[in-house]
């Protein structure tokens, strides 16, 4: 029987050991992402056949496995059959979600066409070129550049790193205020706030980058991200005041320019099917949407 345990910060070394050799394309396989949503998605893990098995639920409450990490061609079938057995015993809706293309290929090599695949469109990650987010060049980003210029001309602002005194404390207070102003009964926002507080408690351990923008010496926006491999950085959190014109364009451009200019791609995660969020993410002209799949045998 597979025995799962809840993920905590103490498990980082285990996840690092498994994930370091895996050039993942989506935000799901970042340890920071898993930690943010560990309560909201009831994220648990175990080791089976020397592979890392992660179990979680989606925001509709349906449990599934992420693709195993650390398997090989010799033991993948055994792992999948064991997880299939667990799925049936526990009435899980999906066998796998958050599946990337490479794992689909490996499954197909074993099972041929004997599995069902669905595009998990609401969870596709938005991928951008860092150079474009910094330069805001081109006709399609002209409006963004105007918003950026409007911000720097009309506000008395300054920028601080999270390492500076009181910044983290003030960001937590700002996150709580943002939550109070936007909470509509959606537990997603509650778990997000808990996740923000948790990763800020372990900011250095998680090797995160953070930027805060102040207007007239009051916090107006903050963002948190990380470099996950040689080619990709992820922006996990971005919060700002709605009444400040251009604040999101400014913090997005400044954050990437200051910390990720040497990284080719920026992953700004998914839109969760939220129309306003989808429109905002598309407006920055992603170069692609990184696909994720649901798989059942």
C-alpha atoms as a PDB file:
ATOM      1  CA  UNK A   1       0.000   0.000   0.000  1.00  0.00           C
ATOM      2  CA  UNK A   2       1.290   3.455  -0.854  1.00  0.00           C
ATOM      3  CA  UNK A   3       1.712   5.621   2.235  1.00  0.00           C
ATOM      4  CA  UNK A   4       1.546   9.346   1.559  1.00  0.00           C
ATOM      5  CA  UNK A   5       2.671  12.190   3.798  1.00  0.00           C
ATOM      6  CA  UNK A   6       1.864  15.880   3.649  1.00  0.00           C
ATOM      7  CA  UNK A   7       4.488  18.070   2.013  1.00  0.00           C
ATOM      8  CA  UNK A   8       6.299  20.591   4.264  1.00  0.00           C
ATOM      9  CA  UNK A   9       9.351  22.829   3.978  1.00  0.00           C
ATOM     10  CA  UNK A  10      11.411  20.036   5.577  1.00  0.00           C
ATOM     11  CA  UNK A  11      10.878  17.978   2.410  1.00  0.00           C
ATOM     12  CA  UNK A  12      12.693  20.441   0.165  1.00  0.00           C
ATOM     13  CA  UNK A  13      15.909  18.425   0.059  1.00  0.00           C
ATOM     14  CA  UNK A  14      14.011  15.325  -1.109  1.00  0.00           C
ATOM     15  CA  UNK A  15      12.225  17.233  -3.859  1.00  0.00           C
ATOM     16  CA  UNK A  16      15.437  18.973  -4.886  1.00  0.00           C
ATOM     17  CA  UNK A  17      17.140  15.616  -5.272  1.00  0.00           C
ATOM     18  CA  UNK A  18      14.446  14.359  -7.645  1.00  0.00           C
ATOM     19  CA  UNK A  19      13.700  17.572  -9.521  1.00  0.00           C
ATOM     20  CA  UNK A  20      17.267  18.756 -10.163  1.00  0.00           C
ATOM     21  CA  UNK A  21      17.701  16.486 -13.177  1.00  0.00           C
ATOM     22  CA  UNK A  22      14.291  17.242 -14.637  1.00  0.00           C
ATOM     23  CA  UNK A  23      13.993  20.180 -17.019  1.00  0.00           C
ATOM     24  CA  UNK A  24      10.314  20.806 -16.404  1.00  0.00           C
ATOM     25  CA  UNK A  25       8.334  23.192 -18.592  1.00  0.00           C
ATOM     26  CA  UNK A  26       5.416  24.064 -16.335  1.00  0.00           C
ATOM     27  CA  UNK A  27       5.053  25.759 -12.971  1.00  0.00           C
ATOM     28  CA  UNK A  28       3.470  22.732 -11.295  1.00  0.00           C
ATOM     29  CA  UNK A  29       6.824  21.052 -10.658  1.00  0.00           C
ATOM     30  CA  UNK A  30       8.371  23.910  -8.741  1.00  0.00           C
ATOM     31  CA  UNK A  31       8.746  23.066  -5.046  1.00  0.00           C
ATOM     32  CA  UNK A  32       7.642  26.622  -4.264  1.00  0.00           C
ATOM     33  CA  UNK A  33       4.405  26.109  -6.230  1.00  0.00           C
ATOM     34  CA  UNK A  34       3.754  22.890  -4.356  1.00  0.00           C
ATOM     35  CA  UNK A  35       4.392  24.605  -1.029  1.00  0.00           C
ATOM     36  CA  UNK A  36       2.073  27.520  -1.831  1.00  0.00           C
ATOM     37  CA  UNK A  37      -0.810  25.179  -2.602  1.00  0.00           C
ATOM     38  CA  UNK A  38       0.033  22.335  -0.207  1.00  0.00           C
ATOM     39  CA  UNK A  39      -3.071  22.969   1.897  1.00  0.00           C
ATOM     40  CA  UNK A  40      -5.428  24.170  -0.814  1.00  0.00           C
ATOM     41  CA  UNK A  41      -4.629  21.134  -2.991  1.00  0.00           C
ATOM     42  CA  UNK A  42      -3.919  18.697  -0.125  1.00  0.00           C
ATOM     43  CA  UNK A  43      -0.519  17.898  -1.652  1.00  0.00           C
ATOM     44  CA  UNK A  44       1.086  14.672  -0.426  1.00  0.00           C
ATOM     45  CA  UNK A  45       3.923  12.498  -1.611  1.00  0.00           C
ATOM     46  CA  UNK A  46       5.603   9.126  -1.236  1.00  0.00           C
ATOM     47  CA  UNK A  47       8.554   7.288  -2.752  1.00  0.00           C
ATOM     48  CA  UNK A  48       7.761   4.153  -4.753  1.00  0.00           C
ATOM     49  CA  UNK A  49      10.215   2.223  -6.945  1.00  0.00           C
ATOM     50  CA  UNK A  50      12.713   5.001  -6.212  1.00  0.00           C
ATOM     51  CA  UNK A  51      10.413   7.527  -7.907  1.00  0.00           C
ATOM     52  CA  UNK A  52       8.739  10.570  -6.367  1.00  0.00           C
ATOM     53  CA  UNK A  53       4.953  10.199  -6.437  1.00  0.00           C
ATOM     54  CA  UNK A  54       2.908  13.363  -5.808  1.00  0.00           C
ATOM     55  CA  UNK A  55      -0.820  13.233  -5.083  1.00  0.00           C
ATOM     56  CA  UNK A  56      -3.013  16.324  -5.045  1.00  0.00           C
ATOM     57  CA  UNK A  57      -6.511  17.584  -5.710  1.00  0.00           C
ATOM     58  CA  UNK A  58      -7.519  20.259  -8.175  1.00  0.00           C
ATOM     59  CA  UNK A  59      -9.626  23.311  -7.354  1.00  0.00           C
ATOM     60  CA  UNK A  60     -12.769  21.288  -8.022  1.00  0.00           C
ATOM     61  CA  UNK A  61     -11.787  18.844  -5.292  1.00  0.00           C
ATOM     62  CA  UNK A  62     -10.824  15.980  -7.619  1.00  0.00           C
ATOM     63  CA  UNK A  63      -7.733  13.962  -6.697  1.00  0.00           C
ATOM     64  CA  UNK A  64      -5.049  12.850  -9.094  1.00  0.00           C
ATOM     65  CA  UNK A  65      -1.353  12.037  -9.368  1.00  0.00           C
ATOM     66  CA  UNK A  66       1.179  14.291 -10.982  1.00  0.00           C
ATOM     67  CA  UNK A  67       3.527  12.510 -13.361  1.00  0.00           C
ATOM     68  CA  UNK A  68       6.108  10.463 -11.410  1.00  0.00           C
ATOM     69  CA  UNK A  69       9.576  11.958 -11.082  1.00  0.00           C
ATOM     70  CA  UNK A  70      12.650   9.747 -11.261  1.00  0.00           C
ATOM     71  CA  UNK A  71      11.161   6.741 -13.057  1.00  0.00           C
ATOM     72  CA  UNK A  72      12.967   4.862 -15.797  1.00  0.00           C
ATOM     73  CA  UNK A  73      11.855   2.772 -18.752  1.00  0.00           C
ATOM     74  CA  UNK A  74      12.221  -0.414 -16.754  1.00  0.00           C
ATOM     75  CA  UNK A  75       9.933   0.522 -13.839  1.00  0.00           C
ATOM     76  CA  UNK A  76       7.416   2.939 -15.357  1.00  0.00           C
ATOM     77  CA  UNK A  77       4.820   0.271 -16.133  1.00  0.00           C
ATOM     78  CA  UNK A  78       5.016  -1.072 -12.575  1.00  0.00           C
ATOM     79  CA  UNK A  79       4.603   2.440 -11.159  1.00  0.00           C
ATOM     80  CA  UNK A  80       1.648   3.249 -13.389  1.00  0.00           C
ATOM     81  CA  UNK A  81      -0.109  -0.034 -12.585  1.00  0.00           C
ATOM     82  CA  UNK A  82       0.358   0.586  -8.859  1.00  0.00           C
ATOM     83  CA  UNK A  83      -1.070   4.092  -9.152  1.00  0.00           C
ATOM     84  CA  UNK A  84      -3.943   2.812 -11.272  1.00  0.00           C
ATOM     85  CA  UNK A  85      -4.742   0.305  -8.520  1.00  0.00           C
ATOM     86  CA  UNK A  86      -4.647   3.067  -5.885  1.00  0.00           C
ATOM     87  CA  UNK A  87      -6.894   5.266  -8.046  1.00  0.00           C
ATOM     88  CA  UNK A  88      -9.521   2.553  -8.347  1.00  0.00           C
ATOM     89  CA  UNK A  89      -9.417   1.702  -4.630  1.00  0.00           C
ATOM     90  CA  UNK A  90      -9.860   5.376  -3.696  1.00  0.00           C
ATOM     91  CA  UNK A  91     -12.347   6.386  -6.421  1.00  0.00           C
ATOM     92  CA  UNK A  92     -10.110   9.093  -7.859  1.00  0.00           C
ATOM     93  CA  UNK A  93     -11.466  10.919 -10.903  1.00  0.00           C
ATOM     94  CA  UNK A  94      -8.159  11.077 -12.753  1.00  0.00           C
ATOM     95  CA  UNK A  95      -5.058   8.944 -12.823  1.00  0.00           C
ATOM     96  CA  UNK A  96      -2.732  11.784 -13.861  1.00  0.00           C
ATOM     97  CA  UNK A  97      -3.061  15.550 -14.269  1.00  0.00           C
ATOM     98  CA  UNK A  98      -0.403  18.250 -14.734  1.00  0.00           C
ATOM     99  CA  UNK A  99       1.130  15.946 -17.340  1.00  0.00           C
ATOM    100  CA  UNK A 100       3.735  17.334 -19.731  1.00  0.00           C
ATOM    101  CA  UNK A 101       4.404  16.159 -23.275  1.00  0.00           C
ATOM    102  CA  UNK A 102       7.498  14.126 -22.417  1.00  0.00           C
ATOM    103  CA  UNK A 103       5.546  11.920 -20.031  1.00  0.00           C
ATOM    104  CA  UNK A 104       2.779  11.429 -22.603  1.00  0.00           C
ATOM    105  CA  UNK A 105       5.380  10.042 -24.982  1.00  0.00           C
ATOM    106  CA  UNK A 106       6.675   7.596 -22.366  1.00  0.00           C
ATOM    107  CA  UNK A 107       3.146   6.411 -21.534  1.00  0.00           C
ATOM    108  CA  UNK A 108       2.392   5.917 -25.200  1.00  0.00           C
ATOM    109  CA  UNK A 109       5.499   3.755 -25.619  1.00  0.00           C
ATOM    110  CA  UNK A 110       4.086   1.356 -23.022  1.00  0.00           C
ATOM    111  CA  UNK A 111       0.329   1.458 -23.538  1.00  0.00           C
ATOM    112  CA  UNK A 112       0.003   2.462 -27.169  1.00  0.00           C
ATOM    113  CA  UNK A 113      -3.356   4.188 -27.617  1.00  0.00           C
ATOM    114  CA  UNK A 114      -4.968   2.536 -24.585  1.00  0.00           C
ATOM    115  CA  UNK A 115      -5.331   5.735 -22.595  1.00  0.00           C
ATOM    116  CA  UNK A 116      -7.506   8.822 -22.663  1.00  0.00           C
ATOM    117  CA  UNK A 117      -5.961  12.281 -22.864  1.00  0.00           C
ATOM    118  CA  UNK A 118      -7.671  15.629 -22.275  1.00  0.00           C
ATOM    119  CA  UNK A 119      -6.205  19.071 -22.750  1.00  0.00           C
ATOM    120  CA  UNK A 120      -6.350  20.858 -19.382  1.00  0.00           C
ATOM    121  CA  UNK A 121      -6.754  24.232 -21.086  1.00  0.00           C
ATOM    122  CA  UNK A 122      -7.525  26.297 -17.986  1.00  0.00           C
ATOM    123  CA  UNK A 123      -4.167  25.207 -16.561  1.00  0.00           C
ATOM    124  CA  UNK A 124      -1.944  25.895 -19.566  1.00  0.00           C
ATOM    125  CA  UNK A 125       1.001  28.074 -18.488  1.00  0.00           C
ATOM    126  CA  UNK A 126       1.714  31.395 -20.196  1.00  0.00           C
ATOM    127  CA  UNK A 127       5.298  31.592 -21.467  1.00  0.00           C
ATOM    128  CA  UNK A 128       6.954  34.868 -22.463  1.00  0.00           C
ATOM    129  CA  UNK A 129      10.349  35.979 -23.719  1.00  0.00           C
ATOM    130  CA  UNK A 130      12.047  37.961 -20.971  1.00  0.00           C
ATOM    131  CA  UNK A 131      13.496  40.401 -23.510  1.00  0.00           C
ATOM    132  CA  UNK A 132       9.987  41.357 -24.659  1.00  0.00           C
ATOM    133  CA  UNK A 133       8.713  41.859 -21.108  1.00  0.00           C
ATOM    134  CA  UNK A 134      11.681  44.155 -20.452  1.00  0.00           C
ATOM    135  CA  UNK A 135      11.674  46.167 -23.682  1.00  0.00           C
ATOM    136  CA  UNK A 136       7.891  46.240 -24.275  1.00  0.00           C
ATOM    137  CA  UNK A 137       8.861  46.707 -27.909  1.00  0.00           C
ATOM    138  CA  UNK A 138       6.614  46.199 -30.882  1.00  0.00           C
ATOM    139  CA  UNK A 139       3.182  47.370 -31.947  1.00  0.00           C
ATOM    140  CA  UNK A 140       1.288  44.794 -29.896  1.00  0.00           C
ATOM    141  CA  UNK A 141       2.927  45.946 -26.640  1.00  0.00           C
ATOM    142  CA  UNK A 142       2.687  49.659 -27.416  1.00  0.00           C
ATOM    143  CA  UNK A 143      -0.221  50.082 -25.007  1.00  0.00           C
ATOM    144  CA  UNK A 144       1.773  48.433 -22.217  1.00  0.00           C
ATOM    145  CA  UNK A 145       4.664  50.805 -22.837  1.00  0.00           C
ATOM    146  CA  UNK A 146       2.304  53.765 -22.595  1.00  0.00           C
ATOM    147  CA  UNK A 147       1.029  52.527 -19.232  1.00  0.00           C
ATOM    148  CA  UNK A 148       4.607  52.074 -18.043  1.00  0.00           C
ATOM    149  CA  UNK A 149       5.593  55.581 -19.124  1.00  0.00           C
ATOM    150  CA  UNK A 150       2.486  57.018 -17.502  1.00  0.00           C
ATOM    151  CA  UNK A 151       3.422  55.359 -14.230  1.00  0.00           C
ATOM    152  CA  UNK A 152       7.006  56.606 -14.080  1.00  0.00           C
ATOM    153  CA  UNK A 153       5.942  60.160 -15.032  1.00  0.00           C
ATOM    154  CA  UNK A 154       3.045  60.546 -12.627  1.00  0.00           C
ATOM    155  CA  UNK A 155       3.996  58.745  -9.425  1.00  0.00           C
ATOM    156  CA  UNK A 156       6.592  59.387  -6.763  1.00  0.00           C
ATOM    157  CA  UNK A 157       7.808  55.806  -6.474  1.00  0.00           C
ATOM    158  CA  UNK A 158      10.751  53.758  -5.276  1.00  0.00           C
ATOM    159  CA  UNK A 159      11.614  50.077  -5.534  1.00  0.00           C
ATOM    160  CA  UNK A 160      12.866  47.771  -2.775  1.00  0.00           C
ATOM    161  CA  UNK A 161      14.208  44.245  -2.600  1.00  0.00           C
ATOM    162  CA  UNK A 162      12.704  41.851  -0.075  1.00  0.00           C
ATOM    163  CA  UNK A 163      16.031  41.767   1.756  1.00  0.00           C
ATOM    164  CA  UNK A 164      15.585  45.374   2.865  1.00  0.00           C
ATOM    165  CA  UNK A 165      14.205  46.133   6.350  1.00  0.00           C
ATOM    166  CA  UNK A 166      10.447  45.663   6.941  1.00  0.00           C
ATOM    167  CA  UNK A 167       9.650  44.862   3.298  1.00  0.00           C
ATOM    168  CA  UNK A 168       8.490  41.292   3.926  1.00  0.00           C
ATOM    169  CA  UNK A 169       6.398  42.368   6.896  1.00  0.00           C
ATOM    170  CA  UNK A 170       4.755  45.111   4.837  1.00  0.00           C
ATOM    171  CA  UNK A 171       4.091  42.706   1.954  1.00  0.00           C
ATOM    172  CA  UNK A 172       2.269  40.330   4.283  1.00  0.00           C
ATOM    173  CA  UNK A 173       0.131  43.216   5.526  1.00  0.00           C
ATOM    174  CA  UNK A 174      -0.564  44.247   1.923  1.00  0.00           C
ATOM    175  CA  UNK A 175      -1.517  40.667   0.976  1.00  0.00           C
ATOM    176  CA  UNK A 176      -3.952  40.543   3.890  1.00  0.00           C
ATOM    177  CA  UNK A 177      -5.478  43.865   2.842  1.00  0.00           C
ATOM    178  CA  UNK A 178      -5.773  42.713  -0.785  1.00  0.00           C
ATOM    179  CA  UNK A 179      -7.488  39.537   0.444  1.00  0.00           C
ATOM    180  CA  UNK A 180      -9.986  41.493   2.553  1.00  0.00           C
ATOM    181  CA  UNK A 181     -10.848  43.717  -0.404  1.00  0.00           C
ATOM    182  CA  UNK A 182     -11.224  40.883  -2.913  1.00  0.00           C
ATOM    183  CA  UNK A 183     -12.508  37.895  -0.954  1.00  0.00           C
ATOM    184  CA  UNK A 184     -15.780  36.639  -2.408  1.00  0.00           C
ATOM    185  CA  UNK A 185     -16.159  33.342  -0.578  1.00  0.00           C
ATOM    186  CA  UNK A 186     -13.661  31.567  -2.853  1.00  0.00           C
ATOM    187  CA  UNK A 187     -11.409  29.290  -0.793  1.00  0.00           C
ATOM    188  CA  UNK A 188      -8.768  29.641  -3.546  1.00  0.00           C
ATOM    189  CA  UNK A 189      -7.962  33.139  -2.275  1.00  0.00           C
ATOM    190  CA  UNK A 190      -7.771  31.929   1.326  1.00  0.00           C
ATOM    191  CA  UNK A 191      -5.248  29.237   0.467  1.00  0.00           C
ATOM    192  CA  UNK A 192      -3.277  31.630  -1.716  1.00  0.00           C
ATOM    193  CA  UNK A 193      -2.906  34.038   1.219  1.00  0.00           C
ATOM    194  CA  UNK A 194      -1.729  31.194   3.461  1.00  0.00           C
ATOM    195  CA  UNK A 195       0.735  30.153   0.776  1.00  0.00           C
ATOM    196  CA  UNK A 196       2.128  33.676   0.421  1.00  0.00           C
ATOM    197  CA  UNK A 197       2.729  33.883   4.156  1.00  0.00           C
ATOM    198  CA  UNK A 198       4.413  30.495   4.200  1.00  0.00           C
ATOM    199  CA  UNK A 199       6.850  31.093   1.363  1.00  0.00           C
ATOM    200  CA  UNK A 200       7.741  34.496   2.808  1.00  0.00           C
ATOM    201  CA  UNK A 201       8.650  32.701   6.028  1.00  0.00           C
ATOM    202  CA  UNK A 202      11.148  30.575   4.067  1.00  0.00           C
ATOM    203  CA  UNK A 203      12.168  33.146   1.484  1.00  0.00           C
ATOM    204  CA  UNK A 204      15.922  32.490   1.571  1.00  0.00           C
ATOM    205  CA  UNK A 205      15.565  28.717   1.895  1.00  0.00           C
ATOM    206  CA  UNK A 206      13.464  28.671  -1.268  1.00  0.00           C
ATOM    207  CA  UNK A 207      15.937  30.919  -3.150  1.00  0.00           C
ATOM    208  CA  UNK A 208      13.163  33.308  -4.118  1.00  0.00           C
ATOM    209  CA  UNK A 209      13.374  36.782  -5.601  1.00  0.00           C
ATOM    210  CA  UNK A 210      11.050  39.540  -4.435  1.00  0.00           C
ATOM    211  CA  UNK A 211      10.374  43.125  -5.440  1.00  0.00           C
ATOM    212  CA  UNK A 212       8.164  45.754  -3.806  1.00  0.00           C
ATOM    213  CA  UNK A 213       7.051  49.083  -5.243  1.00  0.00           C
ATOM    214  CA  UNK A 214       6.314  52.028  -2.960  1.00  0.00           C
ATOM    215  CA  UNK A 215       4.389  55.177  -3.877  1.00  0.00           C
ATOM    216  CA  UNK A 216       4.861  58.126  -1.525  1.00  0.00           C
ATOM    217  CA  UNK A 217       6.577  55.639   0.818  1.00  0.00           C
ATOM    218  CA  UNK A 218       3.521  53.353   0.995  1.00  0.00           C
ATOM    219  CA  UNK A 219       3.563  49.835  -0.440  1.00  0.00           C
ATOM    220  CA  UNK A 220       1.618  49.734  -3.703  1.00  0.00           C
ATOM    221  CA  UNK A 221       2.620  46.371  -5.234  1.00  0.00           C
ATOM    222  CA  UNK A 222       4.845  43.352  -4.749  1.00  0.00           C
ATOM    223  CA  UNK A 223       5.861  40.288  -6.711  1.00  0.00           C
ATOM    224  CA  UNK A 224       7.637  36.986  -5.967  1.00  0.00           C
ATOM    225  CA  UNK A 225       9.373  34.595  -8.358  1.00  0.00           C
ATOM    226  CA  UNK A 226      12.293  32.229  -8.834  1.00  0.00           C
ATOM    227  CA  UNK A 227      14.742  30.869 -11.381  1.00  0.00           C
ATOM    228  CA  UNK A 228      13.953  27.174 -11.853  1.00  0.00           C
ATOM    229  CA  UNK A 229      16.480  26.191 -14.520  1.00  0.00           C
ATOM    230  CA  UNK A 230      18.892  27.713 -17.038  1.00  0.00           C
ATOM    231  CA  UNK A 231      16.083  28.689 -19.402  1.00  0.00           C
ATOM    232  CA  UNK A 232      13.067  29.539 -17.266  1.00  0.00           C
ATOM    233  CA  UNK A 233      11.950  31.663 -14.339  1.00  0.00           C
ATOM    234  CA  UNK A 234       8.491  31.605 -12.769  1.00  0.00           C
ATOM    235  CA  UNK A 235       6.500  34.539 -11.427  1.00  0.00           C
ATOM    236  CA  UNK A 236       4.456  33.024  -8.613  1.00  0.00           C
ATOM    237  CA  UNK A 237       2.785  36.029  -7.003  1.00  0.00           C
ATOM    238  CA  UNK A 238       1.914  39.512  -8.213  1.00  0.00           C
ATOM    239  CA  UNK A 239      -0.305  41.887  -6.233  1.00  0.00           C
ATOM    240  CA  UNK A 240      -0.952  45.570  -6.748  1.00  0.00           C
ATOM    241  CA  UNK A 241      -3.327  48.423  -6.054  1.00  0.00           C
ATOM    242  CA  UNK A 242      -6.139  48.700  -8.576  1.00  0.00           C
ATOM    243  CA  UNK A 243      -6.248  52.489  -8.325  1.00  0.00           C
ATOM    244  CA  UNK A 244      -2.664  52.984  -9.557  1.00  0.00           C
ATOM    245  CA  UNK A 245      -2.506  53.261 -13.342  1.00  0.00           C
ATOM    246  CA  UNK A 246       0.350  51.217 -14.791  1.00  0.00           C
ATOM    247  CA  UNK A 247       1.474  49.578 -11.543  1.00  0.00           C
ATOM    248  CA  UNK A 248       1.255  46.031 -12.920  1.00  0.00           C
ATOM    249  CA  UNK A 249       3.151  46.846 -16.115  1.00  0.00           C
ATOM    250  CA  UNK A 250       5.802  48.639 -14.091  1.00  0.00           C
ATOM    251  CA  UNK A 251       6.384  45.859 -11.559  1.00  0.00           C
ATOM    252  CA  UNK A 252       6.305  43.146 -14.224  1.00  0.00           C
ATOM    253  CA  UNK A 253       8.923  44.898 -16.392  1.00  0.00           C
ATOM    254  CA  UNK A 254      11.102  45.985 -13.454  1.00  0.00           C
ATOM    255  CA  UNK A 255      11.064  42.563 -11.769  1.00  0.00           C
ATOM    256  CA  UNK A 256      12.129  40.700 -14.911  1.00  0.00           C
ATOM    257  CA  UNK A 257      14.715  43.359 -15.781  1.00  0.00           C
ATOM    258  CA  UNK A 258      16.309  43.319 -12.343  1.00  0.00           C
ATOM    259  CA  UNK A 259      16.376  39.565 -11.613  1.00  0.00           C
ATOM    260  CA  UNK A 260      15.672  37.529 -14.763  1.00  0.00           C
ATOM    261  CA  UNK A 261      17.227  39.430 -17.661  1.00  0.00           C
ATOM    262  CA  UNK A 262      19.648  36.561 -18.299  1.00  0.00           C
ATOM    263  CA  UNK A 263      16.868  33.961 -18.407  1.00  0.00           C
ATOM    264  CA  UNK A 264      15.259  33.398 -21.799  1.00  0.00           C
ATOM    265  CA  UNK A 265      11.711  32.467 -20.769  1.00  0.00           C
ATOM    266  CA  UNK A 266       9.340  33.735 -18.090  1.00  0.00           C
ATOM    267  CA  UNK A 267       6.486  31.498 -16.940  1.00  0.00           C
ATOM    268  CA  UNK A 268       3.576  33.530 -15.556  1.00  0.00           C
ATOM    269  CA  UNK A 269       1.514  30.442 -14.700  1.00  0.00           C
ATOM    270  CA  UNK A 270      -2.095  29.690 -15.647  1.00  0.00           C
ATOM    271  CA  UNK A 271      -5.358  31.630 -15.801  1.00  0.00           C
ATOM    272  CA  UNK A 272      -7.572  28.971 -14.125  1.00  0.00           C
ATOM    273  CA  UNK A 273     -10.300  29.739 -16.646  1.00  0.00           C
ATOM    274  CA  UNK A 274     -10.843  33.195 -15.137  1.00  0.00           C
ATOM    275  CA  UNK A 275     -11.763  35.444 -18.069  1.00  0.00           C
ATOM    276  CA  UNK A 276     -10.231  38.644 -16.678  1.00  0.00           C
ATOM    277  CA  UNK A 277      -6.992  36.872 -15.819  1.00  0.00           C
ATOM    278  CA  UNK A 278      -6.865  35.230 -19.243  1.00  0.00           C
ATOM    279  CA  UNK A 279      -7.317  38.589 -20.960  1.00  0.00           C
ATOM    280  CA  UNK A 280      -4.571  40.170 -18.839  1.00  0.00           C
ATOM    281  CA  UNK A 281      -2.086  37.368 -19.513  1.00  0.00           C
ATOM    282  CA  UNK A 282      -2.813  37.332 -23.247  1.00  0.00           C
ATOM    283  CA  UNK A 283      -2.285  41.098 -23.424  1.00  0.00           C
ATOM    284  CA  UNK A 284       1.444  40.576 -22.763  1.00  0.00           C
ATOM    285  CA  UNK A 285       1.702  38.482 -25.952  1.00  0.00           C
ATOM    286  CA  UNK A 286       2.947  35.069 -24.759  1.00  0.00           C
ATOM    287  CA  UNK A 287       5.102  33.197 -27.227  1.00  0.00           C
ATOM    288  CA  UNK A 288       3.277  29.982 -26.302  1.00  0.00           C
ATOM    289  CA  UNK A 289       0.908  28.329 -23.884  1.00  0.00           C
ATOM    290  CA  UNK A 290       2.671  25.389 -22.232  1.00  0.00           C
ATOM    291  CA  UNK A 291       0.283  22.466 -22.393  1.00  0.00           C
ATOM    292  CA  UNK A 292      -0.794  20.227 -19.521  1.00  0.00           C
ATOM    293  CA  UNK A 293      -2.904  17.099 -19.821  1.00  0.00           C
ATOM    294  CA  UNK A 294      -5.261  14.858 -17.881  1.00  0.00           C
ATOM    295  CA  UNK A 295      -4.640  11.132 -18.440  1.00  0.00           C
ATOM    296  CA  UNK A 296      -6.701   8.044 -17.639  1.00  0.00           C
ATOM    297  CA  UNK A 297      -5.980   4.459 -18.641  1.00  0.00           C
END
